[in-house]
N, C-alpha and C. Protein backbone atom coordinates (compact mmCIF):
# COMPACT_ATOMS: atom_id res chain seq x y z
N MET A 1 25.55 -0.60 17.13
CA MET A 1 24.15 -0.77 17.47
C MET A 1 23.27 -0.35 16.28
N GLU A 2 23.71 0.70 15.54
CA GLU A 2 22.93 1.14 14.39
C GLU A 2 22.92 0.08 13.30
N ALA A 3 24.02 -0.67 13.19
CA ALA A 3 24.07 -1.74 12.20
C ALA A 3 23.07 -2.84 12.55
N LEU A 4 22.93 -3.12 13.84
CA LEU A 4 21.97 -4.13 14.28
C LEU A 4 20.54 -3.71 13.95
N ILE A 5 20.24 -2.43 14.20
CA ILE A 5 18.89 -1.93 13.92
C ILE A 5 18.61 -1.96 12.42
N SER A 6 19.59 -1.57 11.61
CA SER A 6 19.36 -1.61 10.16
C SER A 6 19.27 -3.04 9.64
N ASN A 7 20.03 -3.96 10.24
CA ASN A 7 19.92 -5.37 9.84
C ASN A 7 18.55 -5.93 10.18
N ILE A 8 18.05 -5.59 11.36
CA ILE A 8 16.71 -6.07 11.75
C ILE A 8 15.66 -5.51 10.81
N SER A 9 15.76 -4.24 10.47
CA SER A 9 14.79 -3.63 9.55
C SER A 9 14.84 -4.28 8.18
N GLY A 10 16.03 -4.48 7.65
CA GLY A 10 16.17 -5.08 6.33
C GLY A 10 15.70 -6.52 6.29
N LEU A 11 16.09 -7.29 7.28
CA LEU A 11 15.69 -8.70 7.31
C LEU A 11 14.20 -8.86 7.56
N THR A 12 13.61 -7.91 8.29
CA THR A 12 12.16 -7.95 8.49
C THR A 12 11.44 -7.71 7.18
N ALA A 13 11.93 -6.78 6.38
CA ALA A 13 11.32 -6.53 5.07
C ALA A 13 11.44 -7.74 4.17
N ILE A 14 12.59 -8.39 4.18
CA ILE A 14 12.77 -9.60 3.36
C ILE A 14 11.85 -10.71 3.85
N ALA A 15 11.75 -10.90 5.15
CA ALA A 15 10.88 -11.95 5.70
C ALA A 15 9.42 -11.69 5.36
N ALA A 16 9.00 -10.42 5.43
CA ALA A 16 7.61 -10.08 5.09
C ALA A 16 7.35 -10.35 3.62
N ALA A 17 8.30 -10.02 2.76
CA ALA A 17 8.13 -10.29 1.33
C ALA A 17 8.04 -11.78 1.05
N ILE A 18 8.84 -12.56 1.74
CA ILE A 18 8.79 -14.02 1.55
C ILE A 18 7.46 -14.57 2.05
N MET A 19 6.98 -14.07 3.19
CA MET A 19 5.70 -14.55 3.72
C MET A 19 4.55 -14.24 2.77
N ILE A 20 4.53 -13.02 2.24
CA ILE A 20 3.45 -12.64 1.33
C ILE A 20 3.58 -13.40 0.01
N GLY A 21 4.80 -13.54 -0.50
CA GLY A 21 5.01 -14.24 -1.76
C GLY A 21 4.67 -15.71 -1.70
N LEU A 22 5.09 -16.38 -0.63
CA LEU A 22 4.77 -17.80 -0.51
C LEU A 22 3.28 -18.02 -0.26
N GLY A 23 2.67 -17.10 0.48
CA GLY A 23 1.22 -17.19 0.68
C GLY A 23 0.47 -17.05 -0.64
N ALA A 24 0.92 -16.12 -1.48
CA ALA A 24 0.30 -15.92 -2.79
C ALA A 24 0.52 -17.14 -3.69
N CYS A 25 1.72 -17.70 -3.65
CA CYS A 25 1.99 -18.90 -4.47
C CYS A 25 1.14 -20.09 -4.01
N GLY A 26 1.04 -20.26 -2.71
CA GLY A 26 0.22 -21.35 -2.18
C GLY A 26 -1.24 -21.19 -2.54
N THR A 27 -1.73 -19.96 -2.45
CA THR A 27 -3.13 -19.71 -2.81
C THR A 27 -3.35 -19.95 -4.29
N ALA A 28 -2.41 -19.54 -5.13
CA ALA A 28 -2.55 -19.75 -6.57
C ALA A 28 -2.56 -21.23 -6.92
N ILE A 29 -1.69 -21.99 -6.29
CA ILE A 29 -1.68 -23.45 -6.52
C ILE A 29 -2.99 -24.07 -6.04
N GLY A 30 -3.46 -23.62 -4.88
CA GLY A 30 -4.71 -24.15 -4.34
C GLY A 30 -5.90 -23.84 -5.25
N PHE A 31 -5.95 -22.61 -5.77
CA PHE A 31 -7.04 -22.26 -6.68
C PHE A 31 -6.96 -23.05 -7.98
N GLY A 32 -5.76 -23.29 -8.45
CA GLY A 32 -5.60 -24.10 -9.67
C GLY A 32 -6.10 -25.52 -9.47
N LEU A 33 -5.71 -26.13 -8.37
CA LEU A 33 -6.18 -27.48 -8.07
C LEU A 33 -7.69 -27.52 -7.85
N LEU A 34 -8.19 -26.52 -7.12
CA LEU A 34 -9.62 -26.46 -6.82
C LEU A 34 -10.44 -26.30 -8.09
N GLY A 35 -10.02 -25.38 -8.95
CA GLY A 35 -10.74 -25.17 -10.21
C GLY A 35 -10.70 -26.38 -11.11
N GLY A 36 -9.54 -27.04 -11.19
CA GLY A 36 -9.43 -28.23 -12.01
C GLY A 36 -10.31 -29.36 -11.53
N LYS A 37 -10.31 -29.59 -10.25
CA LYS A 37 -11.15 -30.67 -9.70
C LYS A 37 -12.64 -30.33 -9.84
N PHE A 38 -12.97 -29.03 -9.71
CA PHE A 38 -14.37 -28.63 -9.89
C PHE A 38 -14.82 -28.90 -11.32
N LEU A 39 -13.98 -28.54 -12.29
CA LEU A 39 -14.35 -28.77 -13.69
C LEU A 39 -14.45 -30.26 -14.02
N GLU A 40 -13.54 -31.06 -13.45
CA GLU A 40 -13.61 -32.51 -13.65
C GLU A 40 -14.90 -33.08 -13.09
N SER A 41 -15.24 -32.69 -11.88
CA SER A 41 -16.45 -33.24 -11.25
C SER A 41 -17.71 -32.70 -11.91
N ALA A 42 -17.68 -31.46 -12.40
CA ALA A 42 -18.85 -30.90 -13.10
C ALA A 42 -19.05 -31.60 -14.44
N ALA A 43 -17.97 -31.96 -15.10
CA ALA A 43 -18.09 -32.67 -16.38
C ALA A 43 -18.56 -34.11 -16.16
N ARG A 44 -18.15 -34.69 -15.03
CA ARG A 44 -18.53 -36.06 -14.74
C ARG A 44 -19.99 -36.18 -14.30
N GLN A 45 -20.45 -35.24 -13.47
CA GLN A 45 -21.83 -35.27 -12.97
C GLN A 45 -22.42 -33.86 -13.05
N PRO A 46 -22.96 -33.49 -14.20
CA PRO A 46 -23.47 -32.12 -14.37
C PRO A 46 -24.66 -31.78 -13.47
N GLU A 47 -25.37 -32.78 -13.01
CA GLU A 47 -26.53 -32.49 -12.14
C GLU A 47 -26.12 -32.02 -10.76
N LEU A 48 -24.87 -32.19 -10.37
CA LEU A 48 -24.40 -31.77 -9.04
C LEU A 48 -23.65 -30.43 -9.08
N VAL A 49 -23.69 -29.73 -10.19
CA VAL A 49 -22.91 -28.51 -10.34
C VAL A 49 -23.30 -27.46 -9.30
N SER A 50 -24.59 -27.28 -9.04
CA SER A 50 -24.99 -26.25 -8.08
C SER A 50 -24.49 -26.57 -6.67
N MET A 51 -24.54 -27.81 -6.26
CA MET A 51 -24.04 -28.19 -4.94
C MET A 51 -22.51 -28.06 -4.89
N LEU A 52 -21.86 -28.47 -5.96
CA LEU A 52 -20.41 -28.38 -5.99
C LEU A 52 -19.94 -26.92 -6.02
N GLN A 53 -20.72 -26.07 -6.67
CA GLN A 53 -20.34 -24.66 -6.77
C GLN A 53 -20.36 -23.98 -5.39
N VAL A 54 -21.32 -24.34 -4.57
CA VAL A 54 -21.37 -23.79 -3.21
C VAL A 54 -20.12 -24.22 -2.44
N LYS A 55 -19.76 -25.47 -2.54
CA LYS A 55 -18.57 -25.97 -1.86
C LYS A 55 -17.31 -25.33 -2.42
N LEU A 56 -17.30 -25.07 -3.73
CA LEU A 56 -16.17 -24.40 -4.36
C LEU A 56 -15.95 -23.03 -3.75
N PHE A 57 -17.03 -22.26 -3.58
CA PHE A 57 -16.90 -20.91 -3.03
C PHE A 57 -16.49 -20.93 -1.56
N VAL A 58 -16.93 -21.91 -0.81
CA VAL A 58 -16.53 -22.01 0.60
C VAL A 58 -15.03 -22.29 0.69
N VAL A 59 -14.56 -23.24 -0.09
CA VAL A 59 -13.14 -23.58 -0.05
C VAL A 59 -12.30 -22.43 -0.61
N ALA A 60 -12.81 -21.73 -1.62
CA ALA A 60 -12.09 -20.57 -2.16
C ALA A 60 -11.96 -19.48 -1.10
N GLY A 61 -12.99 -19.28 -0.31
CA GLY A 61 -12.90 -18.32 0.79
C GLY A 61 -11.87 -18.72 1.82
N LEU A 62 -11.80 -20.01 2.12
CA LEU A 62 -10.80 -20.49 3.08
C LEU A 62 -9.39 -20.34 2.53
N LEU A 63 -9.22 -20.53 1.23
CA LEU A 63 -7.91 -20.34 0.62
C LEU A 63 -7.48 -18.88 0.69
N ASP A 64 -8.42 -17.97 0.48
CA ASP A 64 -8.09 -16.55 0.58
C ASP A 64 -7.71 -16.15 1.99
N VAL A 65 -8.35 -16.76 2.97
CA VAL A 65 -8.07 -16.42 4.36
C VAL A 65 -6.63 -16.76 4.72
N ILE A 66 -6.12 -17.85 4.20
CA ILE A 66 -4.75 -18.26 4.52
C ILE A 66 -3.75 -17.20 4.08
N SER A 67 -3.91 -16.70 2.86
CA SER A 67 -2.97 -15.67 2.40
C SER A 67 -3.19 -14.34 3.11
N MET A 68 -4.42 -14.02 3.47
CA MET A 68 -4.68 -12.77 4.17
C MET A 68 -4.10 -12.79 5.59
N ILE A 69 -4.09 -13.95 6.24
CA ILE A 69 -3.45 -14.06 7.55
C ILE A 69 -1.95 -13.82 7.41
N GLY A 70 -1.35 -14.36 6.36
CA GLY A 70 0.07 -14.11 6.10
C GLY A 70 0.36 -12.64 5.86
N VAL A 71 -0.51 -11.97 5.11
CA VAL A 71 -0.33 -10.54 4.87
C VAL A 71 -0.47 -9.77 6.18
N GLY A 72 -1.42 -10.14 7.00
CA GLY A 72 -1.60 -9.47 8.29
C GLY A 72 -0.39 -9.61 9.20
N ILE A 73 0.15 -10.81 9.26
CA ILE A 73 1.33 -11.04 10.10
C ILE A 73 2.54 -10.29 9.54
N ALA A 74 2.67 -10.27 8.22
CA ALA A 74 3.78 -9.54 7.59
C ALA A 74 3.67 -8.05 7.88
N LEU A 75 2.46 -7.50 7.79
CA LEU A 75 2.28 -6.08 8.09
C LEU A 75 2.53 -5.78 9.56
N LEU A 76 2.18 -6.72 10.42
CA LEU A 76 2.48 -6.55 11.84
C LEU A 76 3.98 -6.41 12.06
N PHE A 77 4.75 -7.28 11.44
CA PHE A 77 6.19 -7.22 11.62
C PHE A 77 6.82 -6.02 10.94
N ILE A 78 6.21 -5.53 9.85
CA ILE A 78 6.77 -4.34 9.20
C ILE A 78 6.53 -3.09 10.04
N PHE A 79 5.30 -2.92 10.53
CA PHE A 79 4.95 -1.67 11.19
C PHE A 79 5.10 -1.70 12.71
N ASN A 80 5.11 -2.87 13.32
CA ASN A 80 5.21 -2.95 14.78
C ASN A 80 6.10 -4.14 15.13
N ASN A 81 7.35 -4.04 14.75
CA ASN A 81 8.28 -5.15 14.93
C ASN A 81 8.77 -5.21 16.38
N PRO A 82 8.44 -6.29 17.11
CA PRO A 82 8.90 -6.37 18.50
C PRO A 82 10.41 -6.50 18.62
N LEU A 83 11.06 -7.12 17.65
CA LEU A 83 12.52 -7.23 17.70
C LEU A 83 13.17 -5.87 17.52
N LEU A 84 12.62 -5.09 16.58
CA LEU A 84 13.17 -3.76 16.33
C LEU A 84 12.94 -2.84 17.53
N THR A 85 11.78 -2.95 18.14
CA THR A 85 11.48 -2.14 19.33
C THR A 85 12.45 -2.47 20.46
N THR A 86 12.72 -3.74 20.65
CA THR A 86 13.67 -4.16 21.69
C THR A 86 15.06 -3.64 21.40
N ALA A 87 15.48 -3.70 20.13
CA ALA A 87 16.82 -3.22 19.76
C ALA A 87 16.93 -1.71 19.95
N ILE A 88 15.88 -0.98 19.61
CA ILE A 88 15.91 0.48 19.80
C ILE A 88 15.96 0.84 21.28
N ASN A 89 15.16 0.14 22.08
CA ASN A 89 15.20 0.40 23.54
C ASN A 89 16.55 0.05 24.13
N LEU A 90 17.16 -1.02 23.65
CA LEU A 90 18.50 -1.39 24.12
C LEU A 90 19.53 -0.33 23.72
N ALA A 91 19.39 0.19 22.51
CA ALA A 91 20.31 1.24 22.06
C ALA A 91 20.15 2.50 22.89
N LYS A 92 18.92 2.82 23.28
CA LYS A 92 18.70 4.00 24.12
C LYS A 92 19.32 3.84 25.50
N THR A 93 19.19 2.64 26.08
CA THR A 93 19.76 2.42 27.41
C THR A 93 21.29 2.39 27.37
N VAL A 94 21.86 1.88 26.29
CA VAL A 94 23.31 1.83 26.17
C VAL A 94 23.86 3.24 25.96
N ALA A 95 23.13 4.08 25.21
CA ALA A 95 23.58 5.43 24.93
C ALA A 95 23.58 6.31 26.18
N HIS A 96 22.70 6.01 27.13
CA HIS A 96 22.62 6.84 28.34
C HIS A 96 23.54 6.35 29.38
């Protein structure tokens, strides 16, 4: 039973690291594409830069939210893992 609990803890840490890492990679790719398209459109039509800049910041905020949701879910599983709680409760009932 202790091996099961340690496996759940270890795999939860790996899953959280993957969630945070992939969220960061996705956000970085999104910011790269967003910045590139903004520079292309600003060079093509300089009179629209102020309007495009507002839209750039809105989309940048949405990109940040995606990775922050991933971090929140990863922290939830690290600090309050329902699978680990179930395994610990099962171990307590089996021990008694």
